[in-house]
N, C-alpha and C. Protein backbone atom coordinates (compact mmCIF):
# COMPACT_ATOMS: atom_id res chain seq x y z
N MET A 1 -221.12 2.15 -284.92
CA MET A 1 -220.27 1.90 -286.09
C MET A 1 -221.00 2.39 -287.33
N GLN A 2 -220.42 3.26 -288.11
CA GLN A 2 -221.02 3.83 -289.30
C GLN A 2 -220.49 3.13 -290.53
N ILE A 3 -221.40 2.59 -291.34
CA ILE A 3 -221.05 1.92 -292.60
C ILE A 3 -221.68 2.71 -293.72
N THR A 4 -220.94 3.06 -294.70
CA THR A 4 -221.44 3.87 -295.83
C THR A 4 -221.46 3.02 -297.06
N LEU A 5 -222.49 3.24 -297.89
CA LEU A 5 -222.62 2.54 -299.16
C LEU A 5 -222.39 3.54 -300.27
N SER A 6 -221.61 3.15 -301.22
CA SER A 6 -221.32 4.02 -302.37
C SER A 6 -222.05 3.47 -303.58
N CYS A 7 -223.03 4.20 -304.06
CA CYS A 7 -223.82 3.76 -305.23
C CYS A 7 -224.13 4.99 -306.07
N ASN A 8 -223.63 4.97 -307.29
CA ASN A 8 -223.83 6.10 -308.21
C ASN A 8 -223.34 7.40 -307.59
N TRP A 9 -222.20 7.30 -306.94
CA TRP A 9 -221.52 8.45 -306.37
C TRP A 9 -222.36 9.15 -305.31
N VAL A 10 -223.27 8.41 -304.66
CA VAL A 10 -224.10 8.99 -303.61
C VAL A 10 -223.69 8.30 -302.31
N GLN A 11 -223.23 9.07 -301.33
CA GLN A 11 -222.85 8.53 -300.05
C GLN A 11 -224.08 8.44 -299.16
N VAL A 12 -224.48 7.23 -298.77
CA VAL A 12 -225.67 7.01 -297.95
C VAL A 12 -225.24 6.24 -296.71
N SER A 13 -225.63 6.69 -295.54
CA SER A 13 -225.32 6.01 -294.29
C SER A 13 -226.29 4.85 -294.11
N LEU A 14 -225.74 3.67 -293.75
CA LEU A 14 -226.58 2.49 -293.54
C LEU A 14 -227.49 2.70 -292.35
N HIS A 15 -227.01 3.34 -291.31
CA HIS A 15 -227.83 3.56 -290.13
C HIS A 15 -229.02 4.47 -290.46
N ASP A 16 -228.75 5.51 -291.24
CA ASP A 16 -229.84 6.41 -291.63
C ASP A 16 -230.81 5.71 -292.56
N PHE A 17 -230.26 4.80 -293.37
CA PHE A 17 -231.14 4.09 -294.30
C PHE A 17 -232.10 3.18 -293.55
N LEU A 18 -231.62 2.49 -292.52
CA LEU A 18 -232.48 1.60 -291.77
C LEU A 18 -233.52 2.36 -290.96
N GLU A 19 -233.12 3.49 -290.41
CA GLU A 19 -234.07 4.27 -289.63
C GLU A 19 -235.15 4.90 -290.50
N SER A 20 -234.83 5.11 -291.74
CA SER A 20 -235.81 5.72 -292.64
C SER A 20 -236.87 4.74 -293.12
N LYS A 21 -236.62 3.44 -292.93
CA LYS A 21 -237.56 2.42 -293.36
C LYS A 21 -238.27 1.85 -292.14
N PRO A 22 -239.56 2.07 -291.99
CA PRO A 22 -240.27 1.60 -290.79
C PRO A 22 -240.36 0.07 -290.70
N ILE A 23 -240.25 -0.63 -291.84
CA ILE A 23 -240.37 -2.08 -291.80
C ILE A 23 -239.23 -2.71 -291.03
N PHE A 24 -238.04 -2.16 -291.16
CA PHE A 24 -236.88 -2.70 -290.44
C PHE A 24 -236.99 -2.45 -288.94
N THR A 25 -237.59 -1.27 -288.60
CA THR A 25 -237.79 -0.99 -287.17
C THR A 25 -238.79 -1.96 -286.57
N LEU A 26 -239.82 -2.32 -287.34
CA LEU A 26 -240.84 -3.26 -286.86
C LEU A 26 -240.24 -4.65 -286.67
N ILE A 27 -239.42 -5.07 -287.62
CA ILE A 27 -238.81 -6.40 -287.52
C ILE A 27 -237.88 -6.48 -286.32
N ALA A 28 -237.16 -5.40 -286.06
CA ALA A 28 -236.22 -5.41 -284.93
C ALA A 28 -236.93 -5.45 -283.59
N SER A 29 -238.18 -4.93 -283.54
CA SER A 29 -238.90 -4.92 -282.27
C SER A 29 -239.61 -6.22 -281.95
N ILE A 30 -239.67 -7.16 -282.91
CA ILE A 30 -240.35 -8.44 -282.69
C ILE A 30 -239.38 -9.42 -282.05
N ASN A 31 -239.80 -10.09 -280.96
CA ASN A 31 -239.00 -11.11 -280.28
C ASN A 31 -239.32 -12.48 -280.88
N PHE A 32 -238.33 -13.05 -281.47
CA PHE A 32 -238.49 -14.39 -282.06
C PHE A 32 -238.07 -15.44 -281.03
N SER A 33 -238.85 -16.49 -280.86
CA SER A 33 -238.52 -17.61 -279.97
C SER A 33 -238.84 -18.91 -280.69
N LEU A 34 -237.80 -19.75 -280.78
CA LEU A 34 -237.97 -21.03 -281.47
C LEU A 34 -238.70 -22.01 -280.57
N PRO A 35 -239.46 -22.91 -281.13
CA PRO A 35 -240.17 -23.91 -280.30
C PRO A 35 -239.18 -24.88 -279.65
N THR A 36 -239.57 -25.46 -278.52
CA THR A 36 -238.72 -26.43 -277.83
C THR A 36 -238.60 -27.71 -278.66
N PRO A 37 -237.38 -28.16 -278.93
CA PRO A 37 -237.24 -29.38 -279.77
C PRO A 37 -237.72 -30.62 -279.02
N LEU A 38 -238.14 -31.57 -279.79
CA LEU A 38 -238.59 -32.83 -279.22
C LEU A 38 -237.40 -33.64 -278.69
N ARG A 39 -237.61 -34.38 -277.60
CA ARG A 39 -236.57 -35.24 -277.04
C ARG A 39 -236.53 -36.55 -277.82
N LEU A 40 -235.41 -36.77 -278.47
CA LEU A 40 -235.26 -37.98 -279.27
C LEU A 40 -234.77 -39.17 -278.45
N ASP A 41 -234.23 -38.90 -277.23
CA ASP A 41 -233.74 -39.97 -276.35
C ASP A 41 -232.72 -40.86 -277.05
N LEU A 42 -231.76 -40.18 -277.69
CA LEU A 42 -230.72 -40.94 -278.37
C LEU A 42 -229.77 -41.61 -277.39
N PHE A 43 -229.60 -41.05 -276.19
CA PHE A 43 -228.66 -41.57 -275.21
C PHE A 43 -229.39 -42.22 -274.04
N VAL A 44 -230.54 -42.82 -274.32
CA VAL A 44 -231.31 -43.51 -273.30
C VAL A 44 -231.56 -44.93 -273.80
N ARG A 45 -231.33 -45.90 -272.93
CA ARG A 45 -231.55 -47.30 -273.28
C ARG A 45 -232.43 -47.94 -272.21
N ASP A 46 -233.58 -48.38 -272.64
CA ASP A 46 -234.55 -49.00 -271.72
C ASP A 46 -234.94 -48.07 -270.59
N GLY A 47 -235.09 -46.80 -270.93
CA GLY A 47 -235.49 -45.82 -269.93
C GLY A 47 -234.39 -45.40 -268.97
N VAL A 48 -233.17 -45.87 -269.17
CA VAL A 48 -232.04 -45.54 -268.30
C VAL A 48 -231.01 -44.80 -269.16
N PRO A 49 -230.49 -43.66 -268.68
CA PRO A 49 -229.44 -42.98 -269.44
C PRO A 49 -228.23 -43.88 -269.65
N VAL A 50 -227.54 -43.63 -270.75
CA VAL A 50 -226.44 -44.49 -271.12
C VAL A 50 -225.34 -44.48 -270.07
N LEU A 51 -225.09 -43.31 -269.46
CA LEU A 51 -224.04 -43.24 -268.44
C LEU A 51 -224.39 -44.11 -267.24
N ASP A 52 -225.67 -44.05 -266.81
CA ASP A 52 -226.08 -44.91 -265.70
C ASP A 52 -226.13 -46.37 -266.12
N PHE A 53 -226.46 -46.60 -267.40
CA PHE A 53 -226.55 -47.98 -267.88
C PHE A 53 -225.17 -48.64 -267.89
N LYS A 54 -224.13 -47.85 -268.18
CA LYS A 54 -222.78 -48.40 -268.19
C LYS A 54 -222.31 -48.74 -266.79
N ARG A 55 -222.81 -48.00 -265.81
CA ARG A 55 -222.40 -48.28 -264.44
C ARG A 55 -223.02 -49.55 -263.90
N GLN A 56 -224.15 -49.96 -264.49
CA GLN A 56 -224.81 -51.18 -264.02
C GLN A 56 -224.02 -52.40 -264.48
N LYS A 57 -224.02 -53.43 -263.67
CA LYS A 57 -223.34 -54.68 -263.99
C LYS A 57 -224.26 -55.54 -264.86
N VAL A 58 -223.85 -55.73 -266.09
CA VAL A 58 -224.63 -56.51 -267.03
C VAL A 58 -223.89 -57.81 -267.28
N SER A 59 -224.51 -58.91 -267.02
CA SER A 59 -223.91 -60.22 -267.23
C SER A 59 -224.31 -60.72 -268.61
N VAL A 60 -223.30 -60.95 -269.43
CA VAL A 60 -223.53 -61.43 -270.79
C VAL A 60 -223.16 -62.91 -270.82
N GLN A 61 -224.07 -63.73 -271.18
CA GLN A 61 -223.85 -65.16 -271.25
C GLN A 61 -223.90 -65.62 -272.70
N VAL A 62 -222.85 -66.28 -273.10
CA VAL A 62 -222.77 -66.80 -274.46
C VAL A 62 -223.16 -68.26 -274.42
N ASN A 63 -224.26 -68.57 -275.06
CA ASN A 63 -224.77 -69.93 -275.03
C ASN A 63 -224.13 -70.81 -276.10
N CYS A 64 -223.49 -70.17 -277.08
CA CYS A 64 -222.89 -70.94 -278.16
C CYS A 64 -221.46 -71.31 -277.79
N PRO A 65 -221.14 -72.59 -277.63
CA PRO A 65 -219.77 -72.96 -277.24
C PRO A 65 -218.75 -72.79 -278.35
N VAL A 66 -219.21 -72.54 -279.57
CA VAL A 66 -218.27 -72.38 -280.69
C VAL A 66 -217.39 -71.16 -280.46
N PHE A 67 -218.01 -70.07 -279.93
CA PHE A 67 -217.23 -68.85 -279.69
C PHE A 67 -216.14 -69.09 -278.66
N ASP A 68 -216.44 -69.88 -277.64
CA ASP A 68 -215.43 -70.17 -276.63
C ASP A 68 -214.27 -70.98 -277.22
N VAL A 69 -214.61 -71.94 -278.09
CA VAL A 69 -213.56 -72.74 -278.73
C VAL A 69 -212.68 -71.87 -279.61
N VAL A 70 -213.31 -70.95 -280.37
CA VAL A 70 -212.55 -70.07 -281.25
C VAL A 70 -211.65 -69.13 -280.45
N ASP A 71 -212.20 -68.58 -279.34
CA ASP A 71 -211.38 -67.70 -278.50
C ASP A 71 -210.20 -68.43 -277.90
N ASN A 72 -210.41 -69.65 -277.43
CA ASN A 72 -209.30 -70.43 -276.87
C ASN A 72 -208.26 -70.76 -277.93
N LEU A 73 -208.73 -71.04 -279.14
CA LEU A 73 -207.80 -71.36 -280.23
C LEU A 73 -206.96 -70.14 -280.59
N GLU A 74 -207.61 -68.96 -280.67
CA GLU A 74 -206.86 -67.75 -280.98
C GLU A 74 -205.87 -67.42 -279.88
N ALA A 75 -206.28 -67.61 -278.63
CA ALA A 75 -205.36 -67.33 -277.51
C ALA A 75 -204.16 -68.28 -277.55
N SER A 76 -204.41 -69.56 -277.85
CA SER A 76 -203.30 -70.51 -277.91
C SER A 76 -202.37 -70.19 -279.07
N LEU A 77 -202.92 -69.74 -280.20
CA LEU A 77 -202.07 -69.38 -281.35
C LEU A 77 -201.22 -68.16 -281.04
N ARG A 78 -201.83 -67.19 -280.33
CA ARG A 78 -201.05 -66.01 -279.97
C ARG A 78 -199.95 -66.34 -278.98
N SER A 79 -200.25 -67.22 -278.04
CA SER A 79 -199.25 -67.56 -277.03
C SER A 79 -198.17 -68.48 -277.58
N SER A 80 -198.52 -69.31 -278.57
CA SER A 80 -197.56 -70.25 -279.11
C SER A 80 -196.72 -69.67 -280.24
N SER A 81 -197.05 -68.48 -280.69
CA SER A 81 -196.28 -67.89 -281.78
C SER A 81 -194.89 -67.53 -281.29
N SER A 82 -193.90 -67.75 -282.13
CA SER A 82 -192.52 -67.49 -281.75
C SER A 82 -192.29 -65.98 -281.64
N PRO A 83 -191.49 -65.55 -280.67
CA PRO A 83 -191.24 -64.11 -280.51
C PRO A 83 -190.45 -63.56 -281.69
N TYR A 84 -190.67 -62.29 -281.99
CA TYR A 84 -190.01 -61.65 -283.12
C TYR A 84 -188.61 -61.15 -282.76
N ASN A 85 -188.38 -60.87 -281.48
CA ASN A 85 -187.07 -60.36 -281.08
C ASN A 85 -186.79 -60.82 -279.65
N GLN A 86 -185.63 -60.42 -279.15
CA GLN A 86 -185.19 -60.86 -277.83
C GLN A 86 -186.06 -60.28 -276.73
N PHE A 87 -186.56 -59.06 -276.93
CA PHE A 87 -187.38 -58.43 -275.91
C PHE A 87 -188.69 -59.19 -275.71
N GLU A 88 -189.35 -59.58 -276.81
CA GLU A 88 -190.57 -60.36 -276.71
C GLU A 88 -190.30 -61.73 -276.08
N GLU A 89 -189.14 -62.30 -276.35
CA GLU A 89 -188.79 -63.58 -275.73
C GLU A 89 -188.61 -63.41 -274.23
N TRP A 90 -187.98 -62.30 -273.81
CA TRP A 90 -187.82 -62.04 -272.37
C TRP A 90 -189.16 -61.83 -271.70
N LEU A 91 -190.07 -61.12 -272.39
CA LEU A 91 -191.40 -60.92 -271.83
C LEU A 91 -192.12 -62.25 -271.66
N GLN A 92 -192.00 -63.12 -272.65
CA GLN A 92 -192.63 -64.44 -272.56
C GLN A 92 -192.01 -65.26 -271.43
N TRP A 93 -190.70 -65.19 -271.27
CA TRP A 93 -190.04 -65.91 -270.19
C TRP A 93 -190.45 -65.37 -268.82
N THR A 94 -190.66 -64.06 -268.75
CA THR A 94 -191.10 -63.47 -267.48
C THR A 94 -192.49 -63.96 -267.11
N VAL A 95 -193.39 -64.03 -268.12
CA VAL A 95 -194.74 -64.53 -267.85
C VAL A 95 -194.70 -66.00 -267.44
N GLU A 96 -193.83 -66.77 -268.06
CA GLU A 96 -193.72 -68.20 -267.74
C GLU A 96 -192.95 -68.45 -266.45
N GLY A 97 -192.39 -67.42 -265.83
CA GLY A 97 -191.66 -67.59 -264.58
C GLY A 97 -190.23 -68.05 -264.77
N LYS A 98 -189.67 -67.91 -265.97
CA LYS A 98 -188.29 -68.33 -266.22
C LYS A 98 -187.29 -67.22 -265.95
N MET A 99 -187.76 -66.00 -265.81
CA MET A 99 -186.87 -64.87 -265.54
C MET A 99 -187.37 -64.13 -264.31
N TRP A 100 -186.44 -63.42 -263.66
CA TRP A 100 -186.80 -62.63 -262.50
C TRP A 100 -187.63 -61.43 -262.91
N ARG A 101 -188.59 -61.08 -262.07
CA ARG A 101 -189.38 -59.87 -262.29
C ARG A 101 -188.69 -58.71 -261.57
N PHE A 102 -188.71 -57.56 -262.20
CA PHE A 102 -188.10 -56.38 -261.60
C PHE A 102 -189.11 -55.68 -260.68
N PRO A 103 -188.65 -55.13 -259.54
CA PRO A 103 -187.27 -55.16 -259.02
C PRO A 103 -186.89 -56.56 -258.55
N ILE A 104 -185.61 -56.89 -258.68
CA ILE A 104 -185.12 -58.22 -258.36
C ILE A 104 -185.26 -58.49 -256.87
N ASP A 105 -185.84 -59.63 -256.54
CA ASP A 105 -185.97 -60.08 -255.16
C ASP A 105 -185.64 -61.56 -255.14
N ASN A 106 -184.62 -61.92 -254.37
CA ASN A 106 -184.19 -63.32 -254.34
C ASN A 106 -185.25 -64.26 -253.76
N GLU A 107 -186.23 -63.71 -253.05
CA GLU A 107 -187.24 -64.54 -252.42
C GLU A 107 -188.61 -64.40 -253.08
N GLN A 108 -188.66 -63.85 -254.28
CA GLN A 108 -189.95 -63.70 -254.93
C GLN A 108 -190.48 -65.06 -255.36
N ASP A 109 -191.78 -65.22 -255.21
CA ASP A 109 -192.48 -66.47 -255.53
C ASP A 109 -191.99 -67.64 -254.69
N TRP A 110 -191.36 -67.37 -253.57
CA TRP A 110 -190.89 -68.43 -252.69
C TRP A 110 -192.02 -68.84 -251.78
N GLU A 111 -192.43 -70.08 -251.85
CA GLU A 111 -193.60 -70.52 -251.13
C GLU A 111 -193.36 -70.59 -249.62
N GLU A 112 -192.10 -70.60 -249.18
CA GLU A 112 -191.79 -70.70 -247.76
C GLU A 112 -191.21 -69.39 -247.22
N LYS A 113 -191.68 -68.28 -247.76
CA LYS A 113 -191.15 -66.99 -247.33
C LYS A 113 -191.50 -66.70 -245.87
N GLN A 114 -192.64 -67.20 -245.41
CA GLN A 114 -193.09 -66.95 -244.04
C GLN A 114 -192.84 -68.13 -243.11
N VAL A 115 -192.10 -69.16 -243.56
CA VAL A 115 -191.84 -70.34 -242.74
C VAL A 115 -190.65 -70.08 -241.83
N SER A 116 -190.78 -70.49 -240.60
CA SER A 116 -189.70 -70.29 -239.63
C SER A 116 -188.57 -71.31 -239.83
N PHE A 117 -187.37 -70.93 -239.37
CA PHE A 117 -186.22 -71.83 -239.46
C PHE A 117 -186.40 -73.04 -238.55
N ALA A 118 -187.11 -72.84 -237.44
CA ALA A 118 -187.31 -73.94 -236.50
C ALA A 118 -188.14 -75.05 -237.12
N ASP A 119 -189.05 -74.71 -238.03
CA ASP A 119 -189.87 -75.74 -238.67
C ASP A 119 -189.02 -76.65 -239.55
N HIS A 120 -187.92 -76.13 -240.06
CA HIS A 120 -187.02 -76.95 -240.89
C HIS A 120 -186.10 -77.82 -240.04
N THR A 121 -185.79 -77.36 -238.84
CA THR A 121 -184.75 -78.02 -238.06
C THR A 121 -185.30 -79.04 -237.07
N PHE A 122 -186.31 -78.63 -236.30
CA PHE A 122 -186.83 -79.50 -235.24
C PHE A 122 -188.00 -80.31 -235.77
N LEU A 123 -187.67 -81.49 -236.28
CA LEU A 123 -188.68 -82.36 -236.89
C LEU A 123 -189.05 -83.55 -236.01
N ASP A 124 -188.47 -83.63 -234.82
CA ASP A 124 -188.77 -84.78 -233.96
C ASP A 124 -190.23 -84.85 -233.55
N LYS A 125 -190.88 -83.68 -233.45
CA LYS A 125 -192.27 -83.67 -233.00
C LYS A 125 -193.22 -84.27 -234.04
N HIS A 126 -192.74 -84.45 -235.26
CA HIS A 126 -193.59 -85.00 -236.32
C HIS A 126 -193.45 -86.52 -236.45
N ILE A 127 -192.60 -87.13 -235.62
CA ILE A 127 -192.45 -88.59 -235.67
C ILE A 127 -193.66 -89.25 -235.00
N ASP A 128 -194.13 -90.30 -235.60
CA ASP A 128 -195.27 -91.03 -235.04
C ASP A 128 -194.86 -91.65 -233.69
N SER A 129 -195.75 -91.52 -232.70
CA SER A 129 -195.44 -92.00 -231.34
C SER A 129 -195.27 -93.51 -231.31
N GLU A 130 -195.93 -94.25 -232.19
CA GLU A 130 -195.80 -95.72 -232.20
C GLU A 130 -194.40 -96.16 -232.62
N LEU A 131 -193.75 -95.35 -233.45
CA LEU A 131 -192.40 -95.72 -233.89
C LEU A 131 -191.38 -95.54 -232.77
N LEU A 132 -191.66 -94.63 -231.83
CA LEU A 132 -190.72 -94.39 -230.75
C LEU A 132 -190.71 -95.52 -229.72
N LYS A 133 -191.72 -96.38 -229.74
CA LYS A 133 -191.77 -97.48 -228.78
C LYS A 133 -190.78 -98.57 -229.11
N CYS A 134 -190.38 -98.64 -230.36
CA CYS A 134 -189.40 -99.64 -230.80
C CYS A 134 -188.03 -98.97 -230.87
N GLY A 135 -187.07 -99.50 -230.14
CA GLY A 135 -185.76 -98.86 -230.04
C GLY A 135 -185.04 -98.67 -231.35
N PRO A 136 -184.83 -99.71 -232.15
CA PRO A 136 -184.13 -99.53 -233.42
C PRO A 136 -184.84 -98.59 -234.38
N VAL A 137 -186.15 -98.67 -234.43
CA VAL A 137 -186.91 -97.79 -235.33
C VAL A 137 -186.81 -96.35 -234.85
N ALA A 138 -186.84 -96.15 -233.52
CA ALA A 138 -186.71 -94.79 -232.98
C ALA A 138 -185.35 -94.21 -233.31
N SER A 139 -184.29 -95.01 -233.20
CA SER A 139 -182.95 -94.54 -233.56
C SER A 139 -182.87 -94.21 -235.05
N PHE A 140 -183.48 -95.06 -235.88
CA PHE A 140 -183.47 -94.80 -237.32
C PHE A 140 -184.21 -93.51 -237.65
N MET A 141 -185.37 -93.29 -237.05
CA MET A 141 -186.14 -92.09 -237.33
C MET A 141 -185.41 -90.84 -236.83
N GLU A 142 -184.65 -90.96 -235.77
CA GLU A 142 -183.84 -89.83 -235.30
C GLU A 142 -182.79 -89.45 -236.34
N LEU A 143 -182.18 -90.45 -236.94
CA LEU A 143 -181.21 -90.18 -238.01
C LEU A 143 -181.88 -89.57 -239.23
N VAL A 144 -183.09 -90.03 -239.54
CA VAL A 144 -183.83 -89.46 -240.67
C VAL A 144 -184.13 -87.99 -240.43
N CYS A 145 -184.53 -87.65 -239.21
CA CYS A 145 -184.82 -86.25 -238.87
C CYS A 145 -183.56 -85.39 -238.97
N GLN A 146 -182.44 -85.91 -238.54
CA GLN A 146 -181.20 -85.15 -238.66
C GLN A 146 -180.82 -84.91 -240.12
N GLY A 147 -181.00 -85.93 -240.95
CA GLY A 147 -180.71 -85.76 -242.37
C GLY A 147 -181.64 -84.76 -243.05
N LEU A 148 -182.93 -84.83 -242.73
CA LEU A 148 -183.89 -83.88 -243.33
C LEU A 148 -183.65 -82.46 -242.82
N ALA A 149 -183.24 -82.33 -241.58
CA ALA A 149 -182.98 -80.99 -241.03
C ALA A 149 -181.82 -80.32 -241.74
N GLN A 150 -180.86 -81.10 -242.22
CA GLN A 150 -179.70 -80.55 -242.90
C GLN A 150 -179.88 -80.44 -244.41
N ASN A 151 -181.05 -80.83 -244.90
CA ASN A 151 -181.30 -80.78 -246.34
C ASN A 151 -181.89 -79.41 -246.70
N PRO A 152 -181.19 -78.59 -247.51
CA PRO A 152 -181.71 -77.26 -247.85
C PRO A 152 -182.64 -77.26 -249.05
N ASN A 153 -182.81 -78.39 -249.72
CA ASN A 153 -183.59 -78.43 -250.96
C ASN A 153 -185.04 -78.79 -250.73
N PHE A 154 -185.36 -79.40 -249.60
CA PHE A 154 -186.73 -79.81 -249.33
C PHE A 154 -187.47 -78.71 -248.57
N THR A 155 -188.74 -78.59 -248.87
CA THR A 155 -189.59 -77.68 -248.10
C THR A 155 -190.06 -78.39 -246.83
N VAL A 156 -190.67 -77.62 -245.94
CA VAL A 156 -191.16 -78.20 -244.69
C VAL A 156 -192.23 -79.25 -244.97
N GLU A 157 -193.08 -78.97 -245.92
CA GLU A 157 -194.13 -79.93 -246.25
C GLU A 157 -193.55 -81.20 -246.83
N GLN A 158 -192.51 -81.08 -247.65
CA GLN A 158 -191.87 -82.27 -248.21
C GLN A 158 -191.20 -83.09 -247.12
N LYS A 159 -190.60 -82.43 -246.14
CA LYS A 159 -189.98 -83.16 -245.03
C LYS A 159 -191.03 -83.90 -244.20
N ARG A 160 -192.15 -83.25 -243.98
CA ARG A 160 -193.22 -83.91 -243.22
C ARG A 160 -193.78 -85.10 -244.01
N GLN A 161 -193.88 -84.95 -245.31
CA GLN A 161 -194.35 -86.06 -246.13
C GLN A 161 -193.37 -87.24 -246.08
N HIS A 162 -192.07 -86.96 -246.02
CA HIS A 162 -191.08 -88.03 -245.88
C HIS A 162 -191.28 -88.77 -244.56
N LEU A 163 -191.49 -88.01 -243.50
CA LEU A 163 -191.69 -88.66 -242.20
C LEU A 163 -192.97 -89.49 -242.18
N LYS A 164 -194.01 -89.00 -242.82
CA LYS A 164 -195.25 -89.77 -242.90
C LYS A 164 -195.05 -91.05 -243.71
N TRP A 165 -194.27 -90.94 -244.78
CA TRP A 165 -194.03 -92.14 -245.58
C TRP A 165 -193.28 -93.19 -244.77
N TYR A 166 -192.25 -92.77 -244.04
CA TYR A 166 -191.50 -93.72 -243.20
C TYR A 166 -192.40 -94.32 -242.13
N ALA A 167 -193.28 -93.49 -241.55
CA ALA A 167 -194.18 -94.01 -240.52
C ALA A 167 -195.12 -95.06 -241.10
N ALA A 168 -195.70 -94.78 -242.29
CA ALA A 168 -196.59 -95.76 -242.91
C ALA A 168 -195.86 -97.04 -243.30
N TYR A 169 -194.58 -96.91 -243.67
CA TYR A 169 -193.82 -98.09 -244.09
C TYR A 169 -193.37 -98.93 -242.89
N LEU A 170 -192.98 -98.28 -241.81
CA LEU A 170 -192.39 -99.01 -240.69
C LEU A 170 -193.42 -99.51 -239.68
N LYS A 171 -194.64 -99.01 -239.74
CA LYS A 171 -195.64 -99.47 -238.77
C LYS A 171 -195.89 -100.97 -238.89
N ASN A 172 -195.94 -101.47 -240.10
CA ASN A 172 -196.18 -102.90 -240.30
C ASN A 172 -194.92 -103.74 -240.07
N LYS A 173 -193.78 -103.06 -240.02
CA LYS A 173 -192.51 -103.79 -239.85
C LYS A 173 -192.06 -103.84 -238.39
N ILE A 174 -192.76 -103.18 -237.48
CA ILE A 174 -192.32 -103.15 -236.08
C ILE A 174 -192.29 -104.55 -235.46
N PRO A 175 -193.32 -105.40 -235.66
CA PRO A 175 -193.21 -106.78 -235.10
C PRO A 175 -192.01 -107.55 -235.63
N MET A 176 -191.71 -107.38 -236.90
CA MET A 176 -190.55 -108.07 -237.47
C MET A 176 -189.25 -107.54 -236.86
N VAL A 177 -189.19 -106.22 -236.66
CA VAL A 177 -187.97 -105.64 -236.08
C VAL A 177 -187.81 -106.12 -234.64
N GLU A 178 -188.90 -106.14 -233.89
CA GLU A 178 -188.82 -106.60 -232.50
C GLU A 178 -188.43 -108.07 -232.44
N ALA A 179 -188.94 -108.88 -233.36
CA ALA A 179 -188.57 -110.30 -233.38
C ALA A 179 -187.10 -110.48 -233.71
N SER A 180 -186.61 -109.66 -234.64
CA SER A 180 -185.19 -109.76 -234.97
C SER A 180 -184.32 -109.30 -233.82
N VAL A 181 -184.78 -108.30 -233.08
CA VAL A 181 -184.01 -107.83 -231.91
C VAL A 181 -183.95 -108.93 -230.86
N ARG A 182 -185.08 -109.57 -230.62
CA ARG A 182 -185.09 -110.68 -229.64
C ARG A 182 -184.19 -111.81 -230.10
N GLU A 183 -184.19 -112.10 -231.39
CA GLU A 183 -183.32 -113.16 -231.90
C GLU A 183 -181.85 -112.79 -231.73
N GLU A 184 -181.52 -111.53 -231.98
CA GLU A 184 -180.14 -111.10 -231.79
C GLU A 184 -179.73 -111.21 -230.32
N LEU A 185 -180.63 -110.84 -229.41
CA LEU A 185 -180.32 -110.96 -227.99
C LEU A 185 -180.12 -112.42 -227.60
N ARG A 186 -180.96 -113.31 -228.15
CA ARG A 186 -180.83 -114.73 -227.83
C ARG A 186 -179.50 -115.28 -228.35
N LEU A 187 -179.16 -114.90 -229.59
CA LEU A 187 -177.89 -115.36 -230.15
C LEU A 187 -176.70 -114.80 -229.38
N ALA A 188 -176.83 -113.56 -228.95
CA ALA A 188 -175.73 -112.98 -228.16
C ALA A 188 -175.59 -113.69 -226.83
N GLU A 189 -176.72 -114.03 -226.23
CA GLU A 189 -176.65 -114.76 -224.96
C GLU A 189 -176.03 -116.15 -225.14
N LEU A 190 -176.41 -116.82 -226.22
CA LEU A 190 -175.81 -118.14 -226.49
C LEU A 190 -174.32 -118.02 -226.75
N GLU A 191 -173.94 -116.99 -227.50
CA GLU A 191 -172.52 -116.81 -227.76
C GLU A 191 -171.76 -116.52 -226.49
N LYS A 192 -172.38 -115.73 -225.61
CA LYS A 192 -171.72 -115.42 -224.33
C LYS A 192 -171.54 -116.68 -223.48
N ARG A 193 -172.57 -117.50 -223.48
CA ARG A 193 -172.47 -118.75 -222.70
C ARG A 193 -171.41 -119.66 -223.30
N ALA A 194 -171.40 -119.69 -224.62
CA ALA A 194 -170.41 -120.56 -225.27
C ALA A 194 -169.00 -120.09 -224.96
N ARG A 195 -168.79 -118.81 -224.99
CA ARG A 195 -167.46 -118.30 -224.68
C ARG A 195 -167.11 -118.54 -223.22
N GLY A 196 -168.11 -118.39 -222.33
CA GLY A 196 -167.84 -118.64 -220.92
C GLY A 196 -167.47 -120.09 -220.68
N SER A 197 -168.16 -121.00 -221.35
CA SER A 197 -167.86 -122.43 -221.16
C SER A 197 -166.51 -122.80 -221.74
N SER A 198 -166.17 -122.18 -222.86
CA SER A 198 -164.87 -122.49 -223.46
C SER A 198 -163.73 -121.97 -222.60
N GLN A 199 -163.92 -120.82 -221.99
CA GLN A 199 -162.87 -120.30 -221.12
C GLN A 199 -162.70 -121.17 -219.86
N SER A 200 -163.85 -121.65 -219.35
CA SER A 200 -163.75 -122.52 -218.16
C SER A 200 -162.99 -123.82 -218.47
N HIS A 201 -163.20 -124.35 -219.67
CA HIS A 201 -162.47 -125.56 -220.07
C HIS A 201 -160.98 -125.27 -220.20
N LEU A 202 -160.65 -124.08 -220.67
CA LEU A 202 -159.24 -123.74 -220.80
C LEU A 202 -158.57 -123.62 -219.43
N HIS A 203 -159.29 -123.07 -218.47
CA HIS A 203 -158.71 -122.94 -217.13
C HIS A 203 -158.52 -124.32 -216.49
N GLU A 204 -159.43 -125.25 -216.75
CA GLU A 204 -159.31 -126.58 -216.17
C GLU A 204 -158.12 -127.33 -216.72
N THR A 205 -157.86 -127.11 -218.00
CA THR A 205 -156.74 -127.81 -218.60
C THR A 205 -155.43 -127.13 -218.23
């Protein structure tokens, strides 16, 4: 590339000018090399590079409980603040479990999603064996099982808790029930005898 300089109407070639000066040729032949810069270790912490230091698990423990109280207070204030529009209210209701989460699933958050239908229906196996030894109590518990089996609002655990409650309540009442049954049988026998004797008197007359 030829560059010309115009000075006092004299056309001079820059290339010819540089070649005519030996000092420029000498400077061009010298190889300049800058010294190696010192390592400042700006991205090193405790002898570990910052990238590796971030990958390490650092446990930070706050010994001052005031910060925890302040954080809890700020979180409660943020959560208790009234929503600004309907969308924020819906978001809050979704977090609180008052609205369905999308996609809609009728069985979402249902605690008995994996419970079999047989566990709801066949509850006789959960009756205490001591209650079955008493006839009236066994009949009563059979009716209780039928009622619980037809109840769609109770969970299996709630039905079992009902049966346990009845078992705990009726265990101490079994002697009283048996005594009342014996008394009823005795009264029925007396009534039968009385009726038999009255009929015999009628036939004699």
